[in-house]
Structure formats: structure tokens, C-alpha cells
Amino acid sequence: REIDIRGAFRFSTEFDDAIELLAAGLAIEPIITGVHPVTDARLAFDLAGDRRMSSKVLLDFTGTGR
């Protein structure tokens, strides 16, 4: 009944690099396929799961749409 727990760190400096790029004005709009209200999450996840149809699909939690 022994249990081995193993961990891994996937990211190190990537978040810092990404924040610096965004702060410098990197244009990310070209890779965003769509922004969907959270009420359409199922549709958004289906779209995100189809690599032929999408790149980056975002959920909007504000309810304002985009």
C-alpha cells in the first residue's frame, strides 16, 4: 500500500516572458478565433477542440460580449 507521488514543473520563466511581450504591445488578436460568453461554453470548447477550425478560443465571463 505504498504510494509514490511525483511532481513536475512545466513552466519556469515562460509566464514572465509572455507578460513582457504583452506589455510591449505584441498583437495577439490574429490568433484569437473567437470570444464566447460563458453561457456558450460547450460550443466554445467544441470549437477549441477542432484544430482545423480554431486557434485560440476565449470565454467571456463579464457577460458583455466582445
N, C-alpha and C. Protein backbone atom coordinates (compact mmCIF):
# COMPACT_ATOMS: atom_id res chain seq x y z
N ARG A 1 0.82 -1.20 0.00
CA ARG A 1 0.00 0.00 0.00
C ARG A 1 0.86 1.26 0.00
N GLU A 2 1.97 1.18 -0.64
CA GLU A 2 2.81 2.38 -0.73
C GLU A 2 2.37 3.22 -1.93
N ILE A 3 2.44 4.51 -1.74
CA ILE A 3 2.05 5.44 -2.80
C ILE A 3 3.25 6.32 -3.12
N ASP A 4 3.56 6.42 -4.38
CA ASP A 4 4.61 7.34 -4.84
C ASP A 4 3.94 8.56 -5.45
N ILE A 5 4.31 9.72 -4.99
CA ILE A 5 3.80 10.96 -5.56
C ILE A 5 4.95 11.65 -6.27
N ARG A 6 4.73 11.95 -7.52
CA ARG A 6 5.77 12.60 -8.33
C ARG A 6 5.21 13.90 -8.87
N GLY A 7 6.00 14.91 -8.82
CA GLY A 7 5.58 16.21 -9.34
C GLY A 7 6.49 16.64 -10.49
N ALA A 8 6.02 17.59 -11.22
CA ALA A 8 6.82 18.14 -12.32
C ALA A 8 6.44 19.60 -12.49
N PHE A 9 7.40 20.39 -12.84
CA PHE A 9 7.16 21.79 -13.15
C PHE A 9 7.27 21.95 -14.64
N ARG A 10 6.19 22.39 -15.24
CA ARG A 10 6.18 22.52 -16.69
C ARG A 10 6.67 23.89 -17.13
N PHE A 11 6.40 24.91 -16.33
CA PHE A 11 6.75 26.26 -16.72
C PHE A 11 7.76 26.85 -15.73
N SER A 12 8.64 27.65 -16.23
CA SER A 12 9.62 28.31 -15.38
C SER A 12 9.56 29.81 -15.61
N THR A 13 10.14 30.25 -16.71
CA THR A 13 10.16 31.70 -16.99
C THR A 13 9.17 32.09 -18.08
N GLU A 14 8.40 31.14 -18.59
CA GLU A 14 7.52 31.42 -19.71
C GLU A 14 6.47 32.49 -19.40
N PHE A 15 5.92 32.47 -18.18
CA PHE A 15 4.90 33.46 -17.83
C PHE A 15 5.49 34.86 -17.81
N ASP A 16 6.68 35.01 -17.24
CA ASP A 16 7.35 36.32 -17.22
C ASP A 16 7.61 36.81 -18.64
N ASP A 17 8.08 35.91 -19.50
CA ASP A 17 8.34 36.27 -20.90
C ASP A 17 7.05 36.70 -21.60
N ALA A 18 5.97 35.96 -21.37
CA ALA A 18 4.70 36.28 -22.01
C ALA A 18 4.17 37.64 -21.55
N ILE A 19 4.27 37.92 -20.27
CA ILE A 19 3.80 39.21 -19.75
C ILE A 19 4.62 40.35 -20.34
N GLU A 20 5.92 40.16 -20.45
CA GLU A 20 6.77 41.20 -21.06
C GLU A 20 6.38 41.44 -22.51
N LEU A 21 6.11 40.38 -23.26
CA LEU A 21 5.71 40.53 -24.65
C LEU A 21 4.38 41.26 -24.79
N LEU A 22 3.43 40.90 -23.93
CA LEU A 22 2.13 41.57 -23.96
C LEU A 22 2.26 43.04 -23.57
N ALA A 23 3.07 43.33 -22.57
CA ALA A 23 3.28 44.72 -22.14
C ALA A 23 3.96 45.54 -23.22
N ALA A 24 4.76 44.88 -24.06
CA ALA A 24 5.46 45.57 -25.15
C ALA A 24 4.57 45.78 -26.36
N GLY A 25 3.33 45.26 -26.31
CA GLY A 25 2.39 45.50 -27.38
C GLY A 25 2.27 44.40 -28.41
N LEU A 26 2.68 43.19 -28.07
CA LEU A 26 2.54 42.07 -29.00
C LEU A 26 1.09 41.93 -29.43
N ALA A 27 0.84 41.89 -30.71
CA ALA A 27 -0.53 41.76 -31.24
C ALA A 27 -0.96 40.30 -31.17
N ILE A 28 -1.95 40.02 -30.32
CA ILE A 28 -2.44 38.65 -30.18
C ILE A 28 -3.76 38.43 -30.88
N GLU A 29 -4.40 39.51 -31.33
CA GLU A 29 -5.71 39.39 -31.97
C GLU A 29 -5.72 38.44 -33.17
N PRO A 30 -4.67 38.39 -33.97
CA PRO A 30 -4.72 37.49 -35.14
C PRO A 30 -4.86 36.00 -34.80
N ILE A 31 -4.49 35.60 -33.60
CA ILE A 31 -4.60 34.18 -33.27
C ILE A 31 -5.89 33.84 -32.53
N ILE A 32 -6.67 34.86 -32.14
CA ILE A 32 -7.92 34.60 -31.42
C ILE A 32 -9.02 34.29 -32.43
N THR A 33 -9.51 33.06 -32.36
CA THR A 33 -10.57 32.63 -33.27
C THR A 33 -11.91 33.22 -32.88
N GLY A 34 -12.17 33.30 -31.59
CA GLY A 34 -13.44 33.83 -31.15
C GLY A 34 -13.50 34.02 -29.65
N VAL A 35 -14.44 34.88 -29.24
CA VAL A 35 -14.71 35.11 -27.82
C VAL A 35 -16.19 34.79 -27.61
N HIS A 36 -16.46 33.85 -26.71
CA HIS A 36 -17.82 33.38 -26.50
C HIS A 36 -18.23 33.61 -25.05
N PRO A 37 -19.51 33.98 -24.83
CA PRO A 37 -19.97 34.12 -23.45
C PRO A 37 -19.90 32.77 -22.74
N VAL A 38 -19.69 32.82 -21.44
CA VAL A 38 -19.56 31.59 -20.68
C VAL A 38 -20.80 30.72 -20.79
N THR A 39 -21.93 31.31 -21.09
CA THR A 39 -23.15 30.52 -21.28
C THR A 39 -23.07 29.64 -22.52
N ASP A 40 -22.16 29.95 -23.43
CA ASP A 40 -21.93 29.13 -24.63
C ASP A 40 -20.63 28.33 -24.50
N ALA A 41 -20.27 27.99 -23.28
CA ALA A 41 -19.00 27.30 -23.03
C ALA A 41 -18.90 25.99 -23.80
N ARG A 42 -19.97 25.24 -23.88
CA ARG A 42 -19.93 23.95 -24.59
C ARG A 42 -19.55 24.16 -26.05
N LEU A 43 -20.18 25.13 -26.69
CA LEU A 43 -19.86 25.46 -28.08
C LEU A 43 -18.40 25.90 -28.20
N ALA A 44 -17.96 26.73 -27.26
CA ALA A 44 -16.58 27.22 -27.30
C ALA A 44 -15.58 26.08 -27.15
N PHE A 45 -15.85 25.15 -26.24
CA PHE A 45 -14.95 24.02 -26.06
C PHE A 45 -14.96 23.10 -27.28
N ASP A 46 -16.11 22.91 -27.88
CA ASP A 46 -16.18 22.11 -29.11
C ASP A 46 -15.35 22.76 -30.21
N LEU A 47 -15.47 24.07 -30.36
CA LEU A 47 -14.70 24.80 -31.36
C LEU A 47 -13.21 24.71 -31.06
N ALA A 48 -12.85 24.90 -29.80
CA ALA A 48 -11.43 24.85 -29.41
C ALA A 48 -10.83 23.47 -29.64
N GLY A 49 -11.65 22.44 -29.56
CA GLY A 49 -11.16 21.08 -29.74
C GLY A 49 -10.93 20.70 -31.19
N ASP A 50 -11.37 21.53 -32.11
CA ASP A 50 -11.21 21.24 -33.54
C ASP A 50 -10.10 22.13 -34.10
N ARG A 51 -8.92 21.60 -34.22
CA ARG A 51 -7.76 22.38 -34.68
C ARG A 51 -7.89 22.86 -36.12
N ARG A 52 -8.78 22.25 -36.87
CA ARG A 52 -8.99 22.71 -38.25
C ARG A 52 -9.80 24.00 -38.27
N MET A 53 -10.58 24.24 -37.20
CA MET A 53 -11.49 25.37 -37.17
C MET A 53 -11.04 26.52 -36.27
N SER A 54 -10.07 26.27 -35.39
CA SER A 54 -9.75 27.32 -34.43
C SER A 54 -8.28 27.32 -34.04
N SER A 55 -7.89 28.43 -33.46
CA SER A 55 -6.55 28.57 -32.91
C SER A 55 -6.66 28.80 -31.40
N LYS A 56 -7.22 29.94 -31.01
CA LYS A 56 -7.40 30.27 -29.59
C LYS A 56 -8.83 30.73 -29.39
N VAL A 57 -9.55 30.03 -28.54
CA VAL A 57 -10.94 30.35 -28.25
C VAL A 57 -11.02 30.82 -26.79
N LEU A 58 -11.65 31.96 -26.57
CA LEU A 58 -11.73 32.54 -25.24
C LEU A 58 -13.15 32.53 -24.71
N LEU A 59 -13.28 32.41 -23.39
CA LEU A 59 -14.58 32.53 -22.72
C LEU A 59 -14.68 33.92 -22.09
N ASP A 60 -15.82 34.56 -22.27
CA ASP A 60 -16.08 35.88 -21.69
C ASP A 60 -16.95 35.70 -20.45
N PHE A 61 -16.38 36.00 -19.29
CA PHE A 61 -17.10 35.87 -18.02
C PHE A 61 -17.79 37.17 -17.62
N THR A 62 -17.61 38.23 -18.39
CA THR A 62 -18.19 39.53 -18.00
C THR A 62 -19.64 39.66 -18.43
N GLY A 63 -20.04 38.89 -19.43
CA GLY A 63 -21.40 39.00 -19.93
C GLY A 63 -21.60 40.13 -20.90
N THR A 64 -20.53 40.85 -21.22
CA THR A 64 -20.64 41.99 -22.11
C THR A 64 -20.42 41.62 -23.57
N GLY A 65 -19.88 40.45 -23.80
CA GLY A 65 -19.55 40.04 -25.18
C GLY A 65 -18.36 40.80 -25.70
N ARG A 66 -17.99 40.50 -26.92
CA ARG A 66 -16.83 41.19 -27.48
C ARG A 66 -16.90 41.26 -28.97
